[in-house]
Amino acid sequence: MAKRVLLVDDSVTTAKQLESIIVGLNGFEIVGHAKNGAEAVKMYKSLTPDIVCMDIVMPLMDGLQATRAILQLDQNAKVVMISSLGGVGDKVVEALKVGAKDVIAKPFEPEKIKQTLTSL
């Protein structure tokens, strides 16, 4: 049975890149794509995905706020943060403190994404 993944990223380009990598992995399917943290929380409630791939920097509600909200709904939620390498080091540390399980860095490396998602 495939693990169900919710993508959360305000960049359509980034989401499409990540989606094509995840769809190419065995054992995973994309069940939804939210464009901001507020949408992510709503979609988490309705879709109950196995894994959430969450961008950190987004409009309306950022990835840290959304991760906190999702973990309040489900303390066993598996959230993986998506981060660009430059300039968000503190936010990555904060995301892990908030409860994110891991971080996927841009530019994406398919093998690293596979290892991260398979380990959850």
PDB file of N, CA and C in Angstrom:
ATOM      1  N   MET A   1       0.843  -1.194   0.000  1.00  0.00           N
ATOM      2  CA  MET A   1       0.000   0.000   0.000  1.00  0.00           C
ATOM      3  C   MET A   1       0.889   1.259   0.000  1.00  0.00           C
ATOM      4  N   ALA A   2       0.618   2.154  -0.905  1.00  0.00           N
ATOM      5  CA  ALA A   2       1.453   3.353  -1.057  1.00  0.00           C
ATOM      6  C   ALA A   2       1.245   4.315   0.109  1.00  0.00           C
ATOM      7  N   LYS A   3       2.340   4.969   0.505  1.00  0.00           N
ATOM      8  CA  LYS A   3       2.229   6.029   1.509  1.00  0.00           C
ATOM      9  C   LYS A   3       1.686   7.268   0.824  1.00  0.00           C
ATOM     10  N   ARG A   4       0.725   7.928   1.477  1.00  0.00           N
ATOM     11  CA  ARG A   4       0.038   9.072   0.894  1.00  0.00           C
ATOM     12  C   ARG A   4       0.734  10.361   1.328  1.00  0.00           C
ATOM     13  N   VAL A   5       1.096  11.194   0.351  1.00  0.00           N
ATOM     14  CA  VAL A   5       1.896  12.394   0.610  1.00  0.00           C
ATOM     15  C   VAL A   5       1.107  13.647   0.235  1.00  0.00           C
ATOM     16  N   LEU A   6       1.097  14.618   1.147  1.00  0.00           N
ATOM     17  CA  LEU A   6       0.532  15.943   0.882  1.00  0.00           C
ATOM     18  C   LEU A   6       1.689  16.910   0.649  1.00  0.00           C
ATOM     19  N   LEU A   7       1.691  17.587  -0.512  1.00  0.00           N
ATOM     20  CA  LEU A   7       2.713  18.588  -0.821  1.00  0.00           C
ATOM     21  C   LEU A   7       2.202  19.963  -0.435  1.00  0.00           C
ATOM     22  N   VAL A   8       3.062  20.742   0.230  1.00  0.00           N
ATOM     23  CA  VAL A   8       2.685  22.105   0.610  1.00  0.00           C
ATOM     24  C   VAL A   8       3.797  23.041   0.169  1.00  0.00           C
ATOM     25  N   ASP A   9       3.522  23.840  -0.866  1.00  0.00           N
ATOM     26  CA  ASP A   9       4.519  24.791  -1.364  1.00  0.00           C
ATOM     27  C   ASP A   9       3.803  25.840  -2.195  1.00  0.00           C
ATOM     28  N   ASP A  10       4.145  27.114  -1.980  1.00  0.00           N
ATOM     29  CA  ASP A  10       3.500  28.181  -2.743  1.00  0.00           C
ATOM     30  C   ASP A  10       4.069  28.291  -4.150  1.00  0.00           C
ATOM     31  N   SER A  11       5.186  27.638  -4.414  1.00  0.00           N
ATOM     32  CA  SER A  11       5.793  27.654  -5.746  1.00  0.00           C
ATOM     33  C   SER A  11       5.307  26.442  -6.548  1.00  0.00           C
ATOM     34  N   VAL A  12       4.569  26.699  -7.615  1.00  0.00           N
ATOM     35  CA  VAL A  12       4.071  25.613  -8.462  1.00  0.00           C
ATOM     36  C   VAL A  12       5.244  24.839  -9.056  1.00  0.00           C
ATOM     37  N   THR A  13       6.295  25.554  -9.462  1.00  0.00           N
ATOM     38  CA  THR A  13       7.467  24.911 -10.057  1.00  0.00           C
ATOM     39  C   THR A  13       8.104  23.927  -9.081  1.00  0.00           C
ATOM     40  N   THR A  14       8.325  24.377  -7.849  1.00  0.00           N
ATOM     41  CA  THR A  14       8.929  23.518  -6.826  1.00  0.00           C
ATOM     42  C   THR A  14       8.042  22.311  -6.549  1.00  0.00           C
ATOM     43  N   ALA A  15       6.751  22.555  -6.412  1.00  0.00           N
ATOM     44  CA  ALA A  15       5.821  21.462  -6.123  1.00  0.00           C
ATOM     45  C   ALA A  15       5.842  20.428  -7.245  1.00  0.00           C
ATOM     46  N   LYS A  16       5.876  20.891  -8.499  1.00  0.00           N
ATOM     47  CA  LYS A  16       5.890  19.967  -9.641  1.00  0.00           C
ATOM     48  C   LYS A  16       7.187  19.149  -9.672  1.00  0.00           C
ATOM     49  N   GLN A  17       8.317  19.805  -9.363  1.00  0.00           N
ATOM     50  CA  GLN A  17       9.604  19.079  -9.311  1.00  0.00           C
ATOM     51  C   GLN A  17       9.532  17.975  -8.269  1.00  0.00           C
ATOM     52  N   LEU A  18       9.082  18.351  -7.077  1.00  0.00           N
ATOM     53  CA  LEU A  18       9.035  17.389  -5.976  1.00  0.00           C
ATOM     54  C   LEU A  18       8.031  16.278  -6.286  1.00  0.00           C
ATOM     55  N   GLU A  19       6.893  16.663  -6.851  1.00  0.00           N
ATOM     56  CA  GLU A  19       5.877  15.665  -7.190  1.00  0.00           C
ATOM     57  C   GLU A  19       6.425  14.648  -8.182  1.00  0.00           C
ATOM     58  N   SER A  20       7.144  15.117  -9.211  1.00  0.00           N
ATOM     59  CA  SER A  20       7.655  14.173 -10.213  1.00  0.00           C
ATOM     60  C   SER A  20       8.670  13.212  -9.595  1.00  0.00           C
ATOM     61  N   ILE A  21       9.459  13.692  -8.631  1.00  0.00           N
ATOM     62  CA  ILE A  21      10.416  12.804  -7.958  1.00  0.00           C
ATOM     63  C   ILE A  21       9.666  11.773  -7.109  1.00  0.00           C
ATOM     64  N   ILE A  22       8.702  12.244  -6.306  1.00  0.00           N
ATOM     65  CA  ILE A  22       7.985  11.342  -5.390  1.00  0.00           C
ATOM     66  C   ILE A  22       7.171  10.310  -6.162  1.00  0.00           C
ATOM     67  N   VAL A  23       6.497  10.744  -7.235  1.00  0.00           N
ATOM     68  CA  VAL A  23       5.704   9.823  -8.051  1.00  0.00           C
ATOM     69  C   VAL A  23       6.603   8.750  -8.670  1.00  0.00           C
ATOM     70  N   GLY A  24       7.861   9.115  -8.955  1.00  0.00           N
ATOM     71  CA  GLY A  24       8.811   8.165  -9.520  1.00  0.00           C
ATOM     72  C   GLY A  24       9.325   7.139  -8.521  1.00  0.00           C
ATOM     73  N   LEU A  25       9.108   7.379  -7.243  1.00  0.00           N
ATOM     74  CA  LEU A  25       9.538   6.424  -6.217  1.00  0.00           C
ATOM     75  C   LEU A  25       8.469   5.352  -6.054  1.00  0.00           C
ATOM     76  N   ASN A  26       8.882   4.147  -5.789  1.00  0.00           N
ATOM     77  CA  ASN A  26       7.902   3.102  -5.515  1.00  0.00           C
ATOM     78  C   ASN A  26       7.338   3.295  -4.116  1.00  0.00           C
ATOM     79  N   GLY A  27       6.031   3.135  -3.982  1.00  0.00           N
ATOM     80  CA  GLY A  27       5.437   3.132  -2.650  1.00  0.00           C
ATOM     81  C   GLY A  27       4.926   4.471  -2.153  1.00  0.00           C
ATOM     82  N   PHE A  28       4.846   5.475  -3.042  1.00  0.00           N
ATOM     83  CA  PHE A  28       4.341   6.783  -2.622  1.00  0.00           C
ATOM     84  C   PHE A  28       3.364   7.328  -3.641  1.00  0.00           C
ATOM     85  N   GLU A  29       2.346   8.051  -3.172  1.00  0.00           N
ATOM     86  CA  GLU A  29       1.424   8.742  -4.077  1.00  0.00           C
ATOM     87  C   GLU A  29       1.124  10.126  -3.511  1.00  0.00           C
ATOM     88  N   ILE A  30       0.910  11.096  -4.414  1.00  0.00           N
ATOM     89  CA  ILE A  30       0.561  12.454  -4.009  1.00  0.00           C
ATOM     90  C   ILE A  30      -0.955  12.527  -3.884  1.00  0.00           C
ATOM     91  N   VAL A  31      -1.449  12.922  -2.712  1.00  0.00           N
ATOM     92  CA  VAL A  31      -2.898  12.994  -2.512  1.00  0.00           C
ATOM     93  C   VAL A  31      -3.423  14.424  -2.535  1.00  0.00           C
ATOM     94  N   GLY A  32      -2.529  15.416  -2.492  1.00  0.00           N
ATOM     95  CA  GLY A  32      -2.984  16.791  -2.533  1.00  0.00           C
ATOM     96  C   GLY A  32      -1.823  17.758  -2.609  1.00  0.00           C
ATOM     97  N   HIS A  33      -2.143  19.014  -2.982  1.00  0.00           N
ATOM     98  CA  HIS A  33      -1.141  20.075  -3.058  1.00  0.00           C
ATOM     99  C   HIS A  33      -1.746  21.358  -2.491  1.00  0.00           C
ATOM    100  N   ALA A  34      -1.224  21.787  -1.353  1.00  0.00           N
ATOM    101  CA  ALA A  34      -1.666  23.039  -0.736  1.00  0.00           C
ATOM    102  C   ALA A  34      -0.665  24.137  -1.077  1.00  0.00           C
ATOM    103  N   LYS A  35      -1.172  25.365  -1.238  1.00  0.00           N
ATOM    104  CA  LYS A  35      -0.305  26.480  -1.628  1.00  0.00           C
ATOM    105  C   LYS A  35       0.137  27.343  -0.450  1.00  0.00           C
ATOM    106  N   ASN A  36      -0.396  27.074   0.743  1.00  0.00           N
ATOM    107  CA  ASN A  36       0.055  27.784   1.937  1.00  0.00           C
ATOM    108  C   ASN A  36      -0.295  26.954   3.169  1.00  0.00           C
ATOM    109  N   GLY A  37       0.191  27.408   4.315  1.00  0.00           N
ATOM    110  CA  GLY A  37       0.009  26.639   5.541  1.00  0.00           C
ATOM    111  C   GLY A  37      -1.443  26.469   5.956  1.00  0.00           C
ATOM    112  N   ALA A  38      -2.254  27.518   5.739  1.00  0.00           N
ATOM    113  CA  ALA A  38      -3.666  27.436   6.122  1.00  0.00           C
ATOM    114  C   ALA A  38      -4.376  26.346   5.313  1.00  0.00           C
ATOM    115  N   GLU A  39      -4.097  26.319   4.006  1.00  0.00           N
ATOM    116  CA  GLU A  39      -4.664  25.272   3.143  1.00  0.00           C
ATOM    117  C   GLU A  39      -4.168  23.898   3.592  1.00  0.00           C
ATOM    118  N   ALA A  40      -2.904  23.837   3.980  1.00  0.00           N
ATOM    119  CA  ALA A  40      -2.305  22.558   4.395  1.00  0.00           C
ATOM    120  C   ALA A  40      -3.036  21.966   5.593  1.00  0.00           C
ATOM    121  N   VAL A  41      -3.365  22.811   6.567  1.00  0.00           N
ATOM    122  CA  VAL A  41      -4.044  22.323   7.776  1.00  0.00           C
ATOM    123  C   VAL A  41      -5.425  21.780   7.405  1.00  0.00           C
ATOM    124  N   LYS A  42      -6.161  22.518   6.559  1.00  0.00           N
ATOM    125  CA  LYS A  42      -7.489  22.061   6.114  1.00  0.00           C
ATOM    126  C   LYS A  42      -7.378  20.740   5.366  1.00  0.00           C
ATOM    127  N   MET A  43      -6.408  20.670   4.445  1.00  0.00           N
ATOM    128  CA  MET A  43      -6.259  19.459   3.638  1.00  0.00           C
ATOM    129  C   MET A  43      -5.801  18.278   4.492  1.00  0.00           C
ATOM    130  N   TYR A  44      -4.984  18.547   5.502  1.00  0.00           N
ATOM    131  CA  TYR A  44      -4.541  17.463   6.383  1.00  0.00           C
ATOM    132  C   TYR A  44      -5.752  16.819   7.056  1.00  0.00           C
ATOM    133  N   LYS A  45      -6.675  17.668   7.513  1.00  0.00           N
ATOM    134  CA  LYS A  45      -7.877  17.146   8.182  1.00  0.00           C
ATOM    135  C   LYS A  45      -8.699  16.271   7.241  1.00  0.00           C
ATOM    136  N   SER A  46      -8.860  16.712   5.995  1.00  0.00           N
ATOM    137  CA  SER A  46      -9.740  15.962   5.090  1.00  0.00           C
ATOM    138  C   SER A  46      -9.042  14.775   4.429  1.00  0.00           C
ATOM    139  N   LEU A  47      -7.743  14.888   4.157  1.00  0.00           N
ATOM    140  CA  LEU A  47      -7.040  13.830   3.414  1.00  0.00           C
ATOM    141  C   LEU A  47      -6.321  12.826   4.308  1.00  0.00           C
ATOM    142  N   THR A  48      -6.002  13.213   5.529  1.00  0.00           N
ATOM    143  CA  THR A  48      -5.204  12.400   6.461  1.00  0.00           C
ATOM    144  C   THR A  48      -4.039  11.683   5.763  1.00  0.00           C
ATOM    145  N   PRO A  49      -3.094  12.449   5.206  1.00  0.00           N
ATOM    146  CA  PRO A  49      -1.952  11.829   4.526  1.00  0.00           C
ATOM    147  C   PRO A  49      -1.001  11.164   5.515  1.00  0.00           C
ATOM    148  N   ASP A  50      -0.161  10.271   5.005  1.00  0.00           N
ATOM    149  CA  ASP A  50       0.855   9.623   5.844  1.00  0.00           C
ATOM    150  C   ASP A  50       2.041  10.555   6.083  1.00  0.00           C
ATOM    151  N   ILE A  51       2.352  11.386   5.084  1.00  0.00           N
ATOM    152  CA  ILE A  51       3.510  12.285   5.152  1.00  0.00           C
ATOM    153  C   ILE A  51       3.113  13.645   4.576  1.00  0.00           C
ATOM    154  N   VAL A  52       3.609  14.714   5.195  1.00  0.00           N
ATOM    155  CA  VAL A  52       3.422  16.062   4.659  1.00  0.00           C
ATOM    156  C   VAL A  52       4.797  16.627   4.309  1.00  0.00           C
ATOM    157  N   CYS A  53       4.990  17.044   3.059  1.00  0.00           N
ATOM    158  CA  CYS A  53       6.208  17.744   2.649  1.00  0.00           C
ATOM    159  C   CYS A  53       5.882  19.230   2.666  1.00  0.00           C
ATOM    160  N   MET A  54       6.438  19.969   3.616  1.00  0.00           N
ATOM    161  CA  MET A  54       6.025  21.334   3.940  1.00  0.00           C
ATOM    162  C   MET A  54       7.129  22.346   3.663  1.00  0.00           C
ATOM    163  N   ASP A  55       6.848  23.298   2.774  1.00  0.00           N
ATOM    164  CA  ASP A  55       7.767  24.414   2.557  1.00  0.00           C
ATOM    165  C   ASP A  55       7.801  25.256   3.829  1.00  0.00           C
ATOM    166  N   ILE A  56       8.928  25.895   4.116  1.00  0.00           N
ATOM    167  CA  ILE A  56       9.012  26.715   5.319  1.00  0.00           C
ATOM    168  C   ILE A  56       8.452  28.110   5.068  1.00  0.00           C
ATOM    169  N   VAL A  57       8.849  28.732   3.963  1.00  0.00           N
ATOM    170  CA  VAL A  57       8.474  30.127   3.713  1.00  0.00           C
ATOM    171  C   VAL A  57       7.298  30.179   2.738  1.00  0.00           C
ATOM    172  N   MET A  58       6.114  30.611   3.255  1.00  0.00           N
ATOM    173  CA  MET A  58       4.901  30.721   2.435  1.00  0.00           C
ATOM    174  C   MET A  58       4.051  31.882   2.939  1.00  0.00           C
ATOM    175  N   PRO A  59       3.157  32.394   2.070  1.00  0.00           N
ATOM    176  CA  PRO A  59       2.251  33.456   2.509  1.00  0.00           C
ATOM    177  C   PRO A  59       1.143  32.923   3.425  1.00  0.00           C
ATOM    178  N   LEU A  60       0.441  33.819   4.086  1.00  0.00           N
ATOM    179  CA  LEU A  60      -0.706  33.550   4.971  1.00  0.00           C
ATOM    180  C   LEU A  60      -0.317  32.825   6.246  1.00  0.00           C
ATOM    181  N   MET A  61       0.191  31.619   6.128  1.00  0.00           N
ATOM    182  CA  MET A  61       0.643  30.852   7.298  1.00  0.00           C
ATOM    183  C   MET A  61       1.887  30.109   6.845  1.00  0.00           C
ATOM    184  N   ASP A  62       3.019  30.349   7.527  1.00  0.00           N
ATOM    185  CA  ASP A  62       4.253  29.694   7.075  1.00  0.00           C
ATOM    186  C   ASP A  62       4.303  28.236   7.522  1.00  0.00           C
ATOM    187  N   GLY A  63       5.348  27.557   7.076  1.00  0.00           N
ATOM    188  CA  GLY A  63       5.465  26.134   7.350  1.00  0.00           C
ATOM    189  C   GLY A  63       5.600  25.790   8.826  1.00  0.00           C
ATOM    190  N   LEU A  64       6.228  26.679   9.591  1.00  0.00           N
ATOM    191  CA  LEU A  64       6.379  26.413  11.032  1.00  0.00           C
ATOM    192  C   LEU A  64       5.020  26.475  11.724  1.00  0.00           C
ATOM    193  N   GLN A  65       4.238  27.509  11.406  1.00  0.00           N
ATOM    194  CA  GLN A  65       2.907  27.641  12.014  1.00  0.00           C
ATOM    195  C   GLN A  65       2.018  26.462  11.611  1.00  0.00           C
ATOM    196  N   ALA A  66       2.075  26.096  10.339  1.00  0.00           N
ATOM    197  CA  ALA A  66       1.244  24.994   9.845  1.00  0.00           C
ATOM    198  C   ALA A  66       1.657  23.665  10.485  1.00  0.00           C
ATOM    199  N   THR A  67       2.955  23.468  10.647  1.00  0.00           N
ATOM    200  CA  THR A  67       3.436  22.232  11.284  1.00  0.00           C
ATOM    201  C   THR A  67       2.923  22.149  12.720  1.00  0.00           C
ATOM    202  N   ARG A  68       3.020  23.264  13.444  1.00  0.00           N
ATOM    203  CA  ARG A  68       2.485  23.286  14.819  1.00  0.00           C
ATOM    204  C   ARG A  68       0.996  22.918  14.819  1.00  0.00           C
ATOM    205  N   ALA A  69       0.232  23.534  13.907  1.00  0.00           N
ATOM    206  CA  ALA A  69      -1.218  23.298  13.858  1.00  0.00           C
ATOM    207  C   ALA A  69      -1.533  21.840  13.526  1.00  0.00           C
ATOM    208  N   ILE A  70      -0.809  21.265  12.574  1.00  0.00           N
ATOM    209  CA  ILE A  70      -1.037  19.864  12.186  1.00  0.00           C
ATOM    210  C   ILE A  70      -0.684  18.930  13.337  1.00  0.00           C
ATOM    211  N   LEU A  71       0.401  19.220  14.037  1.00  0.00           N
ATOM    212  CA  LEU A  71       0.794  18.366  15.161  1.00  0.00           C
ATOM    213  C   LEU A  71      -0.177  18.492  16.338  1.00  0.00           C
ATOM    214  N   GLN A  72      -0.878  19.634  16.434  1.00  0.00           N
ATOM    215  CA  GLN A  72      -1.925  19.740  17.454  1.00  0.00           C
ATOM    216  C   GLN A  72      -3.117  18.852  17.091  1.00  0.00           C
ATOM    217  N   LEU A  73      -3.385  18.741  15.784  1.00  0.00           N
ATOM    218  CA  LEU A  73      -4.471  17.868  15.321  1.00  0.00           C
ATOM    219  C   LEU A  73      -4.094  16.398  15.473  1.00  0.00           C
ATOM    220  N   ASP A  74      -2.835  16.087  15.188  1.00  0.00           N
ATOM    221  CA  ASP A  74      -2.366  14.702  15.160  1.00  0.00           C
ATOM    222  C   ASP A  74      -0.910  14.673  15.606  1.00  0.00           C
ATOM    223  N   GLN A  75      -0.692  14.280  16.842  1.00  0.00           N
ATOM    224  CA  GLN A  75       0.689  14.316  17.366  1.00  0.00           C
ATOM    225  C   GLN A  75       1.606  13.309  16.678  1.00  0.00           C
ATOM    226  N   ASN A  76       1.037  12.368  15.935  1.00  0.00           N
ATOM    227  CA  ASN A  76       1.851  11.389  15.204  1.00  0.00           C
ATOM    228  C   ASN A  76       2.081  11.776  13.748  1.00  0.00           C
ATOM    229  N   ALA A  77       1.660  12.990  13.363  1.00  0.00           N
ATOM    230  CA  ALA A  77       1.842  13.437  11.976  1.00  0.00           C
ATOM    231  C   ALA A  77       3.325  13.425  11.615  1.00  0.00           C
ATOM    232  N   LYS A  78       3.601  13.033  10.372  1.00  0.00           N
ATOM    233  CA  LYS A  78       4.982  13.017   9.878  1.00  0.00           C
ATOM    234  C   LYS A  78       5.145  14.174   8.901  1.00  0.00           C
ATOM    235  N   VAL A  79       5.790  15.240   9.367  1.00  0.00           N
ATOM    236  CA  VAL A  79       6.006  16.426   8.543  1.00  0.00           C
ATOM    237  C   VAL A  79       7.489  16.526   8.209  1.00  0.00           C
ATOM    238  N   VAL A  80       7.779  16.683   6.913  1.00  0.00           N
ATOM    239  CA  VAL A  80       9.147  16.886   6.446  1.00  0.00           C
ATOM    240  C   VAL A  80       9.199  18.293   5.858  1.00  0.00           C
ATOM    241  N   MET A  81      10.146  19.102   6.324  1.00  0.00           N
ATOM    242  CA  MET A  81      10.250  20.472   5.834  1.00  0.00           C
ATOM    243  C   MET A  81      11.018  20.511   4.519  1.00  0.00           C
ATOM    244  N   ILE A  82      10.610  21.439   3.638  1.00  0.00           N
ATOM    245  CA  ILE A  82      11.319  21.695   2.383  1.00  0.00           C
ATOM    246  C   ILE A  82      12.022  23.028   2.556  1.00  0.00           C
ATOM    247  N   SER A  83      13.335  23.053   2.324  1.00  0.00           N
ATOM    248  CA  SER A  83      14.100  24.263   2.589  1.00  0.00           C
ATOM    249  C   SER A  83      15.111  24.521   1.488  1.00  0.00           C
ATOM    250  N   SER A  84      15.241  25.789   1.118  1.00  0.00           N
ATOM    251  CA  SER A  84      16.364  26.127   0.244  1.00  0.00           C
ATOM    252  C   SER A  84      17.584  26.272   1.143  1.00  0.00           C
ATOM    253  N   LEU A  85      18.748  25.976   0.616  1.00  0.00           N
ATOM    254  CA  LEU A  85      19.948  25.918   1.458  1.00  0.00           C
ATOM    255  C   LEU A  85      20.327  27.281   2.032  1.00  0.00           C
ATOM    256  N   GLY A  86      20.072  28.353   1.281  1.00  0.00           N
ATOM    257  CA  GLY A  86      20.543  29.668   1.730  1.00  0.00           C
ATOM    258  C   GLY A  86      19.572  30.372   2.652  1.00  0.00           C
ATOM    259  N   GLY A  87      20.066  30.827   3.800  1.00  0.00           N
ATOM    260  CA  GLY A  87      19.337  31.814   4.584  1.00  0.00           C
ATOM    261  C   GLY A  87      18.223  31.345   5.487  1.00  0.00           C
ATOM    262  N   VAL A  88      17.972  30.059   5.605  1.00  0.00           N
ATOM    263  CA  VAL A  88      16.891  29.657   6.499  1.00  0.00           C
ATOM    264  C   VAL A  88      17.371  28.653   7.562  1.00  0.00           C
ATOM    265  N   GLY A  89      18.641  28.668   7.857  1.00  0.00           N
ATOM    266  CA  GLY A  89      19.202  27.735   8.834  1.00  0.00           C
ATOM    267  C   GLY A  89      18.486  27.750  10.170  1.00  0.00           C
ATOM    268  N   ASP A  90      18.209  28.951  10.686  1.00  0.00           N
ATOM    269  CA  ASP A  90      17.521  29.062  11.982  1.00  0.00           C
ATOM    270  C   ASP A  90      16.123  28.462  11.912  1.00  0.00           C
ATOM    271  N   LYS A  91      15.458  28.694  10.797  1.00  0.00           N
ATOM    272  CA  LYS A  91      14.098  28.159  10.641  1.00  0.00           C
ATOM    273  C   LYS A  91      14.113  26.636  10.579  1.00  0.00           C
ATOM    274  N   VAL A  92      15.144  26.052   9.972  1.00  0.00           N
ATOM    275  CA  VAL A  92      15.257  24.595   9.916  1.00  0.00           C
ATOM    276  C   VAL A  92      15.393  24.035  11.329  1.00  0.00           C
ATOM    277  N   VAL A  93      16.250  24.650  12.118  1.00  0.00           N
ATOM    278  CA  VAL A  93      16.425  24.214  13.514  1.00  0.00           C
ATOM    279  C   VAL A  93      15.102  24.339  14.267  1.00  0.00           C
ATOM    280  N   GLU A  94      14.412  25.466  14.062  1.00  0.00           N
ATOM    281  CA  GLU A  94      13.128  25.681  14.731  1.00  0.00           C
ATOM    282  C   GLU A  94      12.097  24.645  14.276  1.00  0.00           C
ATOM    283  N   ALA A  95      12.095  24.329  12.976  1.00  0.00           N
ATOM    284  CA  ALA A  95      11.145  23.345  12.444  1.00  0.00           C
ATOM    285  C   ALA A  95      11.333  21.993  13.122  1.00  0.00           C
ATOM    286  N   LEU A  96      12.582  21.586  13.301  1.00  0.00           N
ATOM    287  CA  LEU A  96      12.851  20.304  13.961  1.00  0.00           C
ATOM    288  C   LEU A  96      12.427  20.351  15.430  1.00  0.00           C
ATOM    289  N   LYS A  97      12.622  21.502  16.074  1.00  0.00           N
ATOM    290  CA  LYS A  97      12.167  21.655  17.468  1.00  0.00           C
ATOM    291  C   LYS A  97      10.651  21.580  17.558  1.00  0.00           C
ATOM    292  N   VAL A  98       9.970  22.175  16.570  1.00  0.00           N
ATOM    293  CA  VAL A  98       8.511  22.186  16.544  1.00  0.00           C
ATOM    294  C   VAL A  98       7.954  20.777  16.372  1.00  0.00           C
ATOM    295  N   GLY A  99       8.719  19.913  15.698  1.00  0.00           N
ATOM    296  CA  GLY A  99       8.268  18.534  15.553  1.00  0.00           C
ATOM    297  C   GLY A  99       8.409  17.949  14.161  1.00  0.00           C
ATOM    298  N   ALA A 100       8.994  18.701  13.224  1.00  0.00           N
ATOM    299  CA  ALA A 100       9.238  18.138  11.894  1.00  0.00           C
ATOM    300  C   ALA A 100      10.197  16.957  12.037  1.00  0.00           C
ATOM    301  N   LYS A 101       9.997  15.941  11.212  1.00  0.00           N
ATOM    302  CA  LYS A 101      10.813  14.726  11.311  1.00  0.00           C
ATOM    303  C   LYS A 101      12.154  14.853  10.601  1.00  0.00           C
ATOM    304  N   ASP A 102      12.199  15.675   9.541  1.00  0.00           N
ATOM    305  CA  ASP A 102      13.417  15.780   8.745  1.00  0.00           C
ATOM    306  C   ASP A 102      13.301  16.998   7.843  1.00  0.00           C
ATOM    307  N   VAL A 103      14.357  17.252   7.077  1.00  0.00           N
ATOM    308  CA  VAL A 103      14.372  18.390   6.157  1.00  0.00           C
ATOM    309  C   VAL A 103      14.872  17.906   4.799  1.00  0.00           C
ATOM    310  N   ILE A 104      14.170  18.310   3.734  1.00  0.00           N
ATOM    311  CA  ILE A 104      14.608  18.062   2.362  1.00  0.00           C
ATOM    312  C   ILE A 104      15.099  19.395   1.822  1.00  0.00           C
ATOM    313  N   ALA A 105      16.344  19.416   1.342  1.00  0.00           N
ATOM    314  CA  ALA A 105      16.927  20.670   0.853  1.00  0.00           C
ATOM    315  C   ALA A 105      16.736  20.814  -0.649  1.00  0.00           C
ATOM    316  N   LYS A 106      16.527  22.072  -1.081  1.00  0.00           N
ATOM    317  CA  LYS A 106      16.556  22.400  -2.513  1.00  0.00           C
ATOM    318  C   LYS A 106      17.990  22.783  -2.836  1.00  0.00           C
ATOM    319  N   PRO A 107      18.512  22.521  -4.002  1.00  0.00           N
ATOM    320  CA  PRO A 107      17.883  21.762  -5.074  1.00  0.00           C
ATOM    321  C   PRO A 107      17.694  20.293  -4.685  1.00  0.00           C
ATOM    322  N   PHE A 108      16.633  19.685  -5.182  1.00  0.00           N
ATOM    323  CA  PHE A 108      16.265  18.333  -4.766  1.00  0.00           C
ATOM    324  C   PHE A 108      17.216  17.280  -5.301  1.00  0.00           C
ATOM    325  N   GLU A 109      17.545  16.332  -4.431  1.00  0.00           N
ATOM    326  CA  GLU A 109      18.317  15.158  -4.828  1.00  0.00           C
ATOM    327  C   GLU A 109      17.400  13.953  -4.660  1.00  0.00           C
ATOM    328  N   PRO A 110      16.969  13.341  -5.760  1.00  0.00           N
ATOM    329  CA  PRO A 110      16.002  12.230  -5.665  1.00  0.00           C
ATOM    330  C   PRO A 110      16.392  11.146  -4.674  1.00  0.00           C
ATOM    331  N   GLU A 111      17.672  10.793  -4.616  1.00  0.00           N
ATOM    332  CA  GLU A 111      18.093   9.711  -3.716  1.00  0.00           C
ATOM    333  C   GLU A 111      17.891  10.107  -2.249  1.00  0.00           C
ATOM    334  N   LYS A 112      18.188  11.372  -1.930  1.00  0.00           N
ATOM    335  CA  LYS A 112      18.010  11.864  -0.556  1.00  0.00           C
ATOM    336  C   LYS A 112      16.522  11.900  -0.190  1.00  0.00           C
ATOM    337  N   ILE A 113      15.692  12.322  -1.131  1.00  0.00           N
ATOM    338  CA  ILE A 113      14.250  12.359  -0.880  1.00  0.00           C
ATOM    339  C   ILE A 113      13.737  10.945  -0.628  1.00  0.00           C
ATOM    340  N   LYS A 114      14.193  10.002  -1.436  1.00  0.00           N
ATOM    341  CA  LYS A 114      13.787   8.605  -1.265  1.00  0.00           C
ATOM    342  C   LYS A 114      14.175   8.103   0.123  1.00  0.00           C
ATOM    343  N   GLN A 115      15.427   8.368   0.521  1.00  0.00           N
ATOM    344  CA  GLN A 115      15.892   7.924   1.853  1.00  0.00           C
ATOM    345  C   GLN A 115      15.037   8.556   2.954  1.00  0.00           C
ATOM    346  N   THR A 116      14.770   9.858   2.827  1.00  0.00           N
ATOM    347  CA  THR A 116      14.014  10.568   3.862  1.00  0.00           C
ATOM    348  C   THR A 116      12.597  10.005   3.988  1.00  0.00           C
ATOM    349  N   LEU A 117      11.897   9.901   2.871  1.00  0.00           N
ATOM    350  CA  LEU A 117      10.500   9.448   2.915  1.00  0.00           C
ATOM    351  C   LEU A 117      10.384   7.981   3.302  1.00  0.00           C
ATOM    352  N   THR A 118      11.326   7.166   2.850  1.00  0.00           N
ATOM    353  CA  THR A 118      11.283   5.730   3.164  1.00  0.00           C
ATOM    354  C   THR A 118      11.521   5.500   4.655  1.00  0.00           C
ATOM    355  N   SER A 119      12.293   6.389   5.282  1.00  0.00           N
ATOM    356  CA  SER A 119      12.637   6.203   6.693  1.00  0.00           C
ATOM    357  C   SER A 119      11.478   6.553   7.642  1.00  0.00           C
ATOM    358  N   LEU A 120      10.437   7.206   7.134  1.00  0.00           N
ATOM    359  CA  LEU A 120       9.326   7.627   7.995  1.00  0.00           C
ATOM    360  C   LEU A 120       8.319   6.508   8.209  1.00  0.00           C
TER     361      LEU A 120
END
